[in-house]
N, C-alpha and C. Protein backbone atom coordinates (compact mmCIF):
# COMPACT_ATOMS: atom_id res chain seq x y z
N UNK A 1 23.33 -9.76 0.15
CA UNK A 1 21.65 -10.29 -0.33
C UNK A 1 20.19 -9.68 0.50
N UNK A 2 20.10 -8.74 -0.33
CA UNK A 2 18.69 -7.77 0.08
C UNK A 2 17.03 -8.76 0.29
N UNK A 3 16.31 -8.69 0.62
CA UNK A 3 15.57 -9.92 0.95
C UNK A 3 14.04 -9.50 -0.51
N UNK A 4 14.26 -10.78 -0.61
CA UNK A 4 12.94 -10.17 -2.61
C UNK A 4 11.70 -10.28 -2.50
N UNK A 5 10.94 -10.64 -1.27
CA UNK A 5 10.16 -10.60 -1.30
C UNK A 5 9.13 -9.65 -0.67
N UNK A 6 8.32 -9.05 -2.22
CA UNK A 6 7.14 -7.56 -1.34
C UNK A 6 5.77 -7.81 -2.40
N UNK A 7 4.69 -7.30 -2.08
CA UNK A 7 3.28 -7.19 -2.41
C UNK A 7 2.88 -6.17 -2.45
N UNK A 8 1.14 -6.46 -2.83
CA UNK A 8 0.83 -5.42 -2.64
C UNK A 8 -0.76 -5.33 -2.64
N UNK A 9 -2.18 -4.56 -2.84
CA UNK A 9 -3.04 -4.91 -2.06
C UNK A 9 -4.48 -3.72 -2.97
N UNK A 10 -4.44 -3.61 -2.92
CA UNK A 10 -6.24 -2.92 -3.52
C UNK A 10 -6.99 -3.45 -5.25
N UNK A 11 -8.11 -1.99 -5.11
CA UNK A 11 -9.50 -2.02 -6.31
C UNK A 11 -9.27 -0.95 -6.93
N UNK A 12 -9.70 -0.39 -7.63
CA UNK A 12 -10.00 0.85 -8.64
C UNK A 12 -11.94 1.34 -7.88
N UNK A 13 -12.21 2.54 -7.40
CA UNK A 13 -13.70 2.61 -7.06
C UNK A 13 -14.74 2.78 -8.09
N UNK A 14 -13.91 2.97 -9.31
CA UNK A 14 -15.10 2.78 -10.64
C UNK A 14 -15.49 1.52 -11.50
N UNK A 15 -14.62 0.36 -10.46
CA UNK A 15 -15.03 -1.09 -10.46
C UNK A 15 -15.44 -1.27 -9.28
N UNK A 16 -15.88 -0.68 -8.52
CA UNK A 16 -16.34 -1.48 -7.09
C UNK A 16 -18.11 -1.97 -7.93
N UNK A 17 -18.61 -3.66 -7.40
CA UNK A 17 -19.55 -4.15 -7.28
C UNK A 17 -20.52 -2.74 -6.96
N UNK A 18 -21.40 -3.87 -6.51
CA UNK A 18 -22.72 -2.67 -5.97
C UNK A 18 -23.51 -3.40 -4.70
N UNK A 19 -22.08 -4.84 -4.46
CA UNK A 19 -22.49 -4.94 -2.66
C UNK A 19 -21.30 -4.38 -2.60
N UNK A 20 -20.69 -4.18 -2.74
CA UNK A 20 -19.47 -3.45 -1.51
C UNK A 20 -19.98 -2.75 0.03
N UNK A 21 -19.41 -2.94 0.56
CA UNK A 21 -19.63 -3.25 2.13
C UNK A 21 -18.88 -1.37 2.44
N UNK A 22 -19.06 -0.76 2.07
CA UNK A 22 -18.44 0.95 3.46
C UNK A 22 -18.76 0.41 4.59
N UNK A 23 -17.60 1.22 5.42
CA UNK A 23 -17.43 1.25 7.12
C UNK A 23 -16.51 2.64 7.38
N UNK A 24 -17.36 3.38 8.44
CA UNK A 24 -16.28 4.22 8.92
C UNK A 24 -15.78 4.24 9.86
N UNK A 25 -14.47 4.25 10.11
CA UNK A 25 -13.98 4.37 11.94
C UNK A 25 -13.03 5.65 11.84
N UNK A 26 -13.37 5.62 12.86
CA UNK A 26 -12.51 7.05 13.24
C UNK A 26 -10.51 6.25 14.09
N UNK A 27 -9.66 7.26 13.27
CA UNK A 27 -8.75 7.15 13.32
C UNK A 27 -7.25 8.48 13.80
N UNK A 28 -6.35 7.52 14.71
CA UNK A 28 -6.06 8.92 16.19
C UNK A 28 -4.35 8.36 16.22
N UNK A 29 -4.14 9.17 16.00
CA UNK A 29 -2.65 8.89 15.74
C UNK A 29 -2.34 8.22 17.76
N UNK A 30 -1.61 7.79 17.93
CA UNK A 30 -1.60 7.35 19.08
C UNK A 30 -1.70 8.84 19.78
N UNK A 31 -1.55 9.62 20.95
CA UNK A 31 -1.35 10.65 21.89
C UNK A 31 -1.73 11.80 20.97
N UNK A 32 -2.30 11.65 20.52
CA UNK A 32 -3.96 12.32 20.20
C UNK A 32 -5.03 12.79 20.75
N UNK A 33 -4.96 13.84 21.07
CA UNK A 33 -6.44 14.65 22.26
C UNK A 33 -6.89 14.78 21.52
N UNK A 34 -8.35 14.57 22.33
CA UNK A 34 -9.88 16.15 21.70
C UNK A 34 -9.26 17.15 21.82
N UNK A 35 -9.59 17.95 20.98
CA UNK A 35 -9.10 19.21 21.59
C UNK A 35 -9.95 20.60 22.47
N UNK A 36 -10.44 21.12 22.86
CA UNK A 36 -10.76 21.78 23.67
C UNK A 36 -12.10 22.36 22.79
N UNK A 37 -11.45 22.88 21.37
CA UNK A 37 -12.78 23.26 20.72
C UNK A 37 -13.25 22.63 19.98
N UNK A 38 -13.34 21.23 20.46
CA UNK A 38 -14.01 20.45 19.31
C UNK A 38 -13.12 19.88 18.06
N UNK A 39 -11.55 19.32 18.11
CA UNK A 39 -11.48 19.01 17.05
C UNK A 39 -10.85 17.43 17.33
N UNK A 40 -11.52 16.16 16.04
CA UNK A 40 -12.04 15.44 16.55
C UNK A 40 -11.45 14.57 15.40
N UNK A 41 -10.66 13.27 15.65
CA UNK A 41 -10.29 11.82 14.86
C UNK A 41 -10.02 12.34 13.33
N UNK A 42 -9.49 12.07 12.40
CA UNK A 42 -9.52 12.00 10.76
C UNK A 42 -10.33 10.40 10.80
N UNK A 43 -11.87 10.59 9.46
CA UNK A 43 -12.97 9.92 9.99
C UNK A 43 -11.94 8.91 8.60
N UNK A 44 -11.71 7.25 8.41
CA UNK A 44 -12.10 6.81 6.79
C UNK A 44 -13.08 5.85 6.75
N UNK A 45 -13.11 6.17 5.43
CA UNK A 45 -13.78 4.53 4.80
C UNK A 45 -13.06 3.78 4.38
N UNK A 46 -13.48 2.25 5.10
CA UNK A 46 -13.08 1.13 4.86
C UNK A 46 -13.98 0.42 3.78
N UNK A 47 -12.91 0.15 3.01
CA UNK A 47 -13.47 -0.84 1.94
C UNK A 47 -13.21 -2.51 2.00
N UNK A 48 -14.70 -3.12 1.82
CA UNK A 48 -14.90 -4.86 2.54
C UNK A 48 -15.39 -4.76 1.70
N UNK A 49 -14.98 -6.10 0.89
CA UNK A 49 -15.61 -6.82 0.05
C UNK A 49 -15.63 -8.99 -0.05
N UNK A 50 -16.33 -9.07 -0.59
CA UNK A 50 -16.63 -10.33 -0.61
C UNK A 50 -14.83 -10.95 -1.48
N UNK A 51 -14.54 -12.02 -1.26
CA UNK A 51 -13.64 -12.65 -1.84
C UNK A 51 -13.68 -13.15 -2.66
N UNK A 52 -14.49 -13.28 -3.71
CA UNK A 52 -15.27 -13.41 -4.50
C UNK A 52 -15.71 -11.95 -5.43
N UNK A 53 -15.80 -10.52 -4.48
CA UNK A 53 -16.14 -9.28 -5.30
C UNK A 53 -14.15 -9.17 -5.36
N UNK A 54 -14.14 -9.53 -4.84
CA UNK A 54 -12.08 -9.07 -4.86
C UNK A 54 -11.48 -9.71 -6.21
N UNK A 55 -11.74 -11.81 -6.86
CA UNK A 55 -12.19 -12.16 -8.02
C UNK A 55 -12.03 -10.84 -9.02
N UNK A 56 -13.57 -10.63 -9.08
CA UNK A 56 -14.18 -9.88 -10.29
C UNK A 56 -12.65 -8.41 -11.31
N UNK A 57 -13.19 -8.16 -9.45
CA UNK A 57 -12.58 -6.94 -9.83
C UNK A 57 -10.82 -6.84 -9.96
N UNK A 58 -10.47 -7.10 -9.41
CA UNK A 58 -8.50 -7.77 -9.54
C UNK A 58 -8.21 -8.26 -10.88
N UNK A 59 -7.03 -8.19 -10.61
CA UNK A 59 -7.09 -9.27 -12.23
C UNK A 59 -6.80 -10.24 -11.48
N UNK A 60 -6.12 -11.16 -12.26
CA UNK A 60 -5.40 -12.57 -11.58
C UNK A 60 -3.99 -12.44 -10.96
N UNK A 61 -2.58 -11.66 -11.05
CA UNK A 61 -1.76 -11.60 -11.02
C UNK A 61 -1.95 -10.57 -9.40
N UNK A 62 -2.56 -8.95 -9.30
CA UNK A 62 -3.48 -8.35 -8.05
C UNK A 62 -4.07 -9.25 -7.22
N UNK A 63 -5.41 -10.28 -7.73
CA UNK A 63 -5.49 -10.82 -6.46
C UNK A 63 -5.02 -11.38 -5.19
N UNK A 64 -3.72 -12.04 -6.47
CA UNK A 64 -2.57 -12.85 -5.66
C UNK A 64 -1.66 -12.28 -5.12
N UNK A 65 -1.53 -11.11 -5.16
CA UNK A 65 -1.08 -10.31 -4.35
C UNK A 65 -1.32 -9.51 -3.17
N UNK A 66 -2.12 -8.82 -3.29
CA UNK A 66 -3.82 -8.19 -2.97
C UNK A 66 -4.17 -8.84 -1.72
N UNK A 67 -4.47 -10.43 -2.15
CA UNK A 67 -5.32 -10.98 -1.40
C UNK A 67 -4.60 -11.97 -0.57
N UNK A 68 -3.93 -12.61 -1.16
CA UNK A 68 -3.50 -14.21 -0.59
C UNK A 68 -1.50 -13.70 -0.43
N UNK A 69 -0.95 -12.14 -0.39
CA UNK A 69 0.11 -12.38 0.23
C UNK A 69 1.21 -12.48 -0.51
N UNK A 70 1.19 -12.85 -1.92
CA UNK A 70 1.74 -12.83 -2.77
C UNK A 70 3.33 -12.21 -3.34
N UNK A 71 4.37 -12.43 -4.30
CA UNK A 71 4.94 -11.56 -4.78
C UNK A 71 5.12 -11.59 -5.86
N UNK A 72 4.93 -10.27 -7.65
CA UNK A 72 5.34 -10.20 -8.42
C UNK A 72 7.40 -10.63 -8.10
N UNK A 73 7.55 -11.32 -10.01
CA UNK A 73 8.74 -11.26 -9.68
C UNK A 73 9.88 -10.17 -9.83
N UNK A 74 10.68 -9.83 -9.22
CA UNK A 74 11.88 -9.01 -8.84
C UNK A 74 11.97 -8.10 -10.89
N UNK A 75 11.82 -6.97 -11.00
CA UNK A 75 12.12 -6.32 -12.03
C UNK A 75 11.17 -6.29 -12.91
N UNK A 76 10.68 -7.11 -12.56
CA UNK A 76 8.84 -7.50 -14.20
C UNK A 76 7.89 -6.48 -14.33
N UNK A 77 7.70 -5.93 -12.82
CA UNK A 77 6.42 -5.08 -12.11
C UNK A 77 6.79 -3.32 -13.31
N UNK A 78 5.81 -2.57 -13.15
CA UNK A 78 5.50 -1.83 -14.20
C UNK A 78 5.55 -0.56 -13.75
N UNK A 79 6.24 -0.47 -12.15
CA UNK A 79 6.93 0.78 -11.39
C UNK A 79 8.36 0.71 -11.63
N UNK A 80 9.06 -0.40 -11.13
CA UNK A 80 9.76 -0.51 -10.30
C UNK A 80 10.77 0.81 -11.13
N UNK A 81 10.68 0.82 -12.08
CA UNK A 81 11.81 1.65 -12.95
C UNK A 81 11.37 2.88 -13.06
N UNK A 82 10.02 3.27 -12.80
CA UNK A 82 9.26 4.51 -13.59
C UNK A 82 9.89 5.64 -12.67
N UNK A 83 9.66 6.49 -13.22
CA UNK A 83 10.04 8.21 -12.99
C UNK A 83 9.16 9.27 -12.94
N UNK A 84 8.14 9.00 -13.24
CA UNK A 84 7.21 9.85 -13.96
C UNK A 84 6.91 11.28 -11.95
N UNK A 85 6.50 12.14 -12.39
CA UNK A 85 6.48 13.10 -10.95
C UNK A 85 5.00 11.70 -10.91
N UNK A 86 4.22 12.38 -9.31
CA UNK A 86 2.67 12.14 -9.46
C UNK A 86 2.79 11.16 -7.86
N UNK A 87 1.49 10.36 -7.86
CA UNK A 87 0.65 9.59 -7.21
C UNK A 87 0.77 7.95 -6.99
N UNK A 88 1.52 7.49 -6.29
CA UNK A 88 0.98 6.00 -6.18
C UNK A 88 0.06 6.03 -5.25
N UNK A 89 -0.71 5.56 -6.10
CA UNK A 89 -2.78 4.91 -5.65
C UNK A 89 -3.07 3.32 -5.10
N UNK A 90 -3.12 3.40 -3.95
CA UNK A 90 -3.75 1.36 -4.40
C UNK A 90 -4.35 1.01 -5.25
N UNK A 91 -4.40 -0.07 -6.22
CA UNK A 91 -4.81 -0.43 -6.55
C UNK A 91 -6.63 -1.27 -6.46
N UNK A 92 -6.77 -1.85 -5.41
CA UNK A 92 -7.62 -1.78 -4.28
C UNK A 92 -8.84 -1.18 -4.51
N UNK A 93 -8.73 0.26 -3.53
CA UNK A 93 -8.95 1.36 -2.97
C UNK A 93 -8.77 1.96 -3.67
N UNK A 94 -7.53 2.72 -4.26
CA UNK A 94 -6.97 3.81 -4.53
C UNK A 94 -6.98 4.71 -3.66
N UNK A 95 -5.95 4.22 -2.24
CA UNK A 95 -6.14 5.51 -1.11
C UNK A 95 -5.37 6.44 -1.92
N UNK A 96 -4.25 7.77 -1.81
CA UNK A 96 -3.18 7.68 -2.16
C UNK A 96 -2.37 6.86 -1.07
N UNK A 97 -1.17 6.15 -1.27
CA UNK A 97 -0.49 5.76 -0.72
C UNK A 97 1.28 6.59 -0.48
N UNK A 98 1.94 6.76 -1.79
CA UNK A 98 3.58 6.87 -1.82
C UNK A 98 3.54 8.26 -3.34
N UNK A 99 4.38 9.28 -3.05
CA UNK A 99 4.71 10.10 -3.82
C UNK A 99 5.34 9.33 -4.77
N UNK A 100 6.01 10.06 -5.68
CA UNK A 100 6.99 9.92 -6.74
C UNK A 100 8.09 10.86 -5.63
N UNK A 101 7.95 12.01 -5.25
CA UNK A 101 8.62 12.54 -4.33
C UNK A 101 9.98 11.62 -2.95
N UNK A 102 9.14 10.61 -3.06
CA UNK A 102 9.90 9.07 -2.00
C UNK A 102 10.53 8.34 -2.41
N UNK A 103 9.86 7.81 -3.70
CA UNK A 103 10.82 7.09 -4.41
C UNK A 103 11.67 6.64 -4.74
N UNK A 104 12.92 5.87 -4.88
CA UNK A 104 14.60 5.99 -4.83
C UNK A 104 14.94 4.16 -5.54
N UNK A 105 15.74 3.71 -6.32
CA UNK A 105 15.57 3.30 -6.88
C UNK A 105 16.98 2.68 -6.00
N UNK A 106 15.85 1.87 -5.03
CA UNK A 106 17.12 0.48 -4.14
C UNK A 106 17.76 -0.64 -4.72
N UNK A 107 18.18 -0.79 -6.28
CA UNK A 107 18.18 -2.02 -6.58
C UNK A 107 17.92 -3.32 -6.40
N UNK A 108 16.33 -3.00 -5.75
CA UNK A 108 15.59 -4.88 -5.73
C UNK A 108 15.14 -5.04 -6.40
N UNK A 109 14.94 -4.25 -7.07
CA UNK A 109 13.44 -4.75 -8.39
C UNK A 109 12.05 -5.34 -7.96
N UNK A 110 11.61 -3.94 -7.73
CA UNK A 110 10.70 -3.66 -7.24
C UNK A 110 10.75 -2.05 -6.94
N UNK A 111 9.26 -1.61 -6.44
CA UNK A 111 9.83 0.12 -6.73
C UNK A 111 9.30 0.24 -5.34
N UNK A 112 10.43 1.29 -4.89
CA UNK A 112 10.89 1.19 -3.48
C UNK A 112 10.88 3.09 -3.12
N UNK A 113 10.55 3.50 -1.89
CA UNK A 113 9.59 5.18 -1.24
C UNK A 113 10.73 4.66 0.17
N UNK A 114 10.94 5.49 0.59
CA UNK A 114 11.63 6.43 2.24
C UNK A 114 9.99 6.41 2.61
N UNK A 115 9.74 6.66 2.60
CA UNK A 115 8.39 7.34 3.19
C UNK A 115 6.39 7.09 2.85
N UNK A 116 5.91 6.76 3.64
CA UNK A 116 4.62 6.84 2.98
C UNK A 116 4.27 8.00 2.61
N UNK A 117 3.02 8.89 2.58
CA UNK A 117 2.07 9.76 2.38
C UNK A 117 1.11 10.21 3.49
N UNK A 118 1.16 9.13 4.51
CA UNK A 118 0.83 9.25 5.85
C UNK A 118 0.50 7.78 6.89
N UNK A 119 1.45 7.86 6.98
CA UNK A 119 0.92 7.18 8.17
C UNK A 119 0.19 6.15 8.76
N UNK A 120 -0.87 6.43 8.27
CA UNK A 120 -2.57 6.32 8.83
C UNK A 120 -3.19 5.62 7.91
N UNK A 121 -2.38 5.76 6.61
CA UNK A 121 -2.85 4.82 5.36
C UNK A 121 -1.85 3.75 5.38
N UNK A 122 -1.04 3.51 5.91
CA UNK A 122 -0.14 2.45 6.14
C UNK A 122 -0.59 1.16 7.26
N UNK A 123 -0.33 -0.10 7.28
CA UNK A 123 -0.42 -1.27 8.35
C UNK A 123 0.73 -2.20 8.47
N UNK A 124 1.26 -2.13 9.59
CA UNK A 124 1.91 -2.58 8.89
C UNK A 124 2.13 -3.88 10.21
N UNK A 125 2.84 -5.16 9.87
CA UNK A 125 2.39 -6.38 11.40
C UNK A 125 3.66 -7.18 10.75
N UNK A 126 3.38 -8.06 11.57
CA UNK A 126 5.16 -8.93 11.18
C UNK A 126 4.39 -9.83 10.37
N UNK A 127 5.70 -10.58 9.90
CA UNK A 127 5.34 -11.64 8.33
C UNK A 127 6.81 -12.77 9.20
N UNK A 128 6.19 -13.84 9.24
CA UNK A 128 6.97 -14.39 10.27
C UNK A 128 7.30 -16.21 8.75
N UNK A 129 6.74 -15.40 7.87
CA UNK A 129 6.68 -16.89 6.20
C UNK A 129 7.85 -16.26 6.35
N UNK A 130 8.16 -18.13 5.36
CA UNK A 130 9.29 -18.34 4.57
C UNK A 130 10.48 -17.67 5.22
N UNK A 131 10.46 -18.67 7.17
CA UNK A 131 11.30 -18.08 7.52
C UNK A 131 12.53 -17.19 7.86
N UNK A 132 11.82 -16.16 7.97
CA UNK A 132 12.58 -14.89 8.43
C UNK A 132 11.56 -14.01 9.24
N UNK A 133 11.58 -13.22 9.25
CA UNK A 133 10.59 -12.52 10.58
C UNK A 133 11.09 -11.21 9.47
N UNK A 134 10.10 -9.93 8.95
CA UNK A 134 9.68 -9.21 7.91
C UNK A 134 8.35 -8.11 8.13
N UNK A 135 8.23 -6.73 8.38
CA UNK A 135 7.41 -6.48 8.41
C UNK A 135 6.57 -5.77 7.42
N UNK A 136 5.15 -6.80 7.34
CA UNK A 136 4.58 -6.41 5.74
C UNK A 136 3.98 -5.10 5.86
N UNK A 137 3.49 -5.20 5.23
CA UNK A 137 2.72 -4.06 5.10
C UNK A 137 1.35 -3.70 4.07
N UNK A 138 0.09 -3.40 4.83
CA UNK A 138 -1.22 -4.02 3.98
C UNK A 138 -1.50 -1.88 3.93
N UNK A 139 -3.21 -1.67 2.90
CA UNK A 139 -3.48 -0.41 3.35
C UNK A 139 -4.81 -0.48 4.17
N UNK A 140 -4.64 0.90 4.74
CA UNK A 140 -4.77 0.33 5.87
C UNK A 140 -6.47 0.21 5.80
N UNK A 141 -7.15 0.95 4.29
CA UNK A 141 -8.77 1.53 3.43
C UNK A 141 -9.35 -0.22 3.08
N UNK A 142 -8.21 -0.72 2.53
CA UNK A 142 -9.16 -2.16 2.14
C UNK A 142 -7.98 -3.19 2.68
N UNK A 143 -7.16 -3.51 3.41
CA UNK A 143 -6.58 -4.08 3.81
C UNK A 143 -5.33 -5.25 2.78
N UNK A 144 -5.59 -4.78 0.98
CA UNK A 144 -4.75 -5.23 0.40
C UNK A 144 -3.28 -5.26 0.71
N UNK A 145 -2.32 -6.35 0.87
CA UNK A 145 -0.85 -6.42 1.53
C UNK A 145 -0.10 -6.10 0.06
N UNK A 146 0.42 -5.35 0.29
CA UNK A 146 1.32 -4.03 -0.22
C UNK A 146 3.05 -4.57 -0.61
N UNK A 147 3.56 -4.58 0.11
CA UNK A 147 5.00 -5.16 0.16
C UNK A 147 5.62 -5.66 1.73
N UNK A 148 6.10 -4.96 1.83
CA UNK A 148 6.95 -5.45 2.99
C UNK A 148 7.90 -4.67 3.34
N UNK A 149 8.42 -3.09 4.24
CA UNK A 149 9.28 -2.19 4.79
C UNK A 149 10.27 -3.19 5.83
N UNK A 150 11.35 -2.15 5.43
CA UNK A 150 12.70 -3.11 5.58
C UNK A 150 13.37 -2.11 6.46
N UNK A 151 14.48 -1.74 6.71
CA UNK A 151 15.29 -0.16 7.98
C UNK A 151 16.68 -0.33 7.06
N UNK A 152 16.54 -0.24 5.56
CA UNK A 152 17.71 -0.40 5.46
C UNK A 152 17.30 0.58 4.13
N UNK A 153 17.14 1.38 4.21
CA UNK A 153 16.62 2.60 2.92
C UNK A 153 17.04 4.09 3.09
N UNK A 154 17.27 5.17 2.46
CA UNK A 154 17.90 6.21 2.84
C UNK A 154 16.60 7.43 3.97
N UNK A 155 17.80 8.70 4.36
CA UNK A 155 17.71 9.36 5.09
C UNK A 155 16.64 9.64 4.25
N UNK A 156 15.66 10.86 5.35
CA UNK A 156 15.69 10.99 5.80
C UNK A 156 15.12 9.79 7.32
N UNK A 157 14.60 8.40 6.40
CA UNK A 157 13.86 8.15 7.71
C UNK A 157 14.54 6.72 7.42
N UNK A 158 15.57 6.23 6.91
CA UNK A 158 15.96 5.00 6.73
C UNK A 158 15.38 3.79 6.94
N UNK A 159 14.11 4.34 5.40
CA UNK A 159 13.34 2.60 6.10
C UNK A 159 12.99 2.46 4.58
N UNK A 160 12.54 1.41 3.75
CA UNK A 160 12.65 1.46 2.73
C UNK A 160 11.16 0.30 2.83
N UNK A 161 10.10 1.01 1.86
CA UNK A 161 9.20 0.29 1.50
C UNK A 161 9.02 -0.32 0.21
N UNK A 162 9.21 -1.48 -0.11
CA UNK A 162 9.63 -2.69 -1.41
C UNK A 162 8.09 -3.14 -1.34
N UNK A 163 7.58 -2.53 -2.21
CA UNK A 163 6.08 -2.40 -3.37
C UNK A 163 5.81 -3.29 -4.53
N UNK A 164 4.70 -3.90 -4.53
CA UNK A 164 4.41 -4.74 -5.48
C UNK A 164 4.30 -3.86 -6.79
N UNK A 165 3.97 -4.07 -7.33
CA UNK A 165 3.75 -2.73 -8.30
C UNK A 165 2.18 -2.96 -9.53
N UNK A 166 2.24 -3.88 -9.20
CA UNK A 166 0.60 -5.18 -9.60
C UNK A 166 0.25 -4.36 -7.83
N UNK A 167 0.11 -3.77 -7.07
CA UNK A 167 -0.79 -3.69 -5.69
C UNK A 167 -0.98 -1.81 -5.94
N UNK A 168 -0.42 -1.32 -7.06
CA UNK A 168 0.00 -0.08 -6.99
C UNK A 168 -1.02 0.89 -8.28
N UNK A 169 -1.35 1.63 -8.04
CA UNK A 169 -2.07 2.79 -9.25
C UNK A 169 -1.51 3.88 -9.41
N UNK A 170 -1.09 4.54 -11.02
CA UNK A 170 0.10 5.70 -10.66
C UNK A 170 -0.79 6.97 -11.07
N UNK A 171 -0.15 8.08 -10.72
CA UNK A 171 -1.95 9.17 -11.10
C UNK A 171 -0.61 10.21 -11.43
N UNK A 172 -0.49 10.55 -12.20
CA UNK A 172 0.40 11.72 -13.14
C UNK A 172 0.38 13.50 -12.57
N UNK A 173 1.14 13.85 -12.04
CA UNK A 173 0.70 15.15 -11.52
C UNK A 173 0.47 15.83 -12.80
N UNK A 174 -0.77 16.76 -12.15
CA UNK A 174 -1.10 17.64 -13.26
C UNK A 174 0.06 19.16 -13.09
N UNK A 175 0.45 19.40 -15.06
CA UNK A 175 1.13 20.69 -15.19
C UNK A 175 1.19 22.01 -14.75
């Protein structure tokens, strides 16, 4: 039986309250070196909001999943069986996280992806809740809970990012 917990986490920039703070910080891939010609690590804007601001921006379901590490029921989310071409962004901060090219039907009832668009856009951390060990997946920009990643996915990565639909928005590929 496949583990059944997954979740989400973020907010759309057009609804960003005036008091939202953003912090710029440099990200650097492990082992990345400054080049003699002045190459620099990428800079990412971090979204910081109060819990009250998150409550105003997110739906109750999005808040529960993104901010309280909740999950939606299997086979109920709007993207679990979604097949259009495009990108999936964080529902909290609009950061691009996954593409339809890496989405697959895992049978678990949540949108599943075999890879993230960029490893720096995802934070992974140990989750020992519910009497088991899993790897939680968070948005690196806003810290929203997205779901979990498992090592039972297809090649080439062997990973299954099990993500809550409520933590995602979808942008259709331009034709």
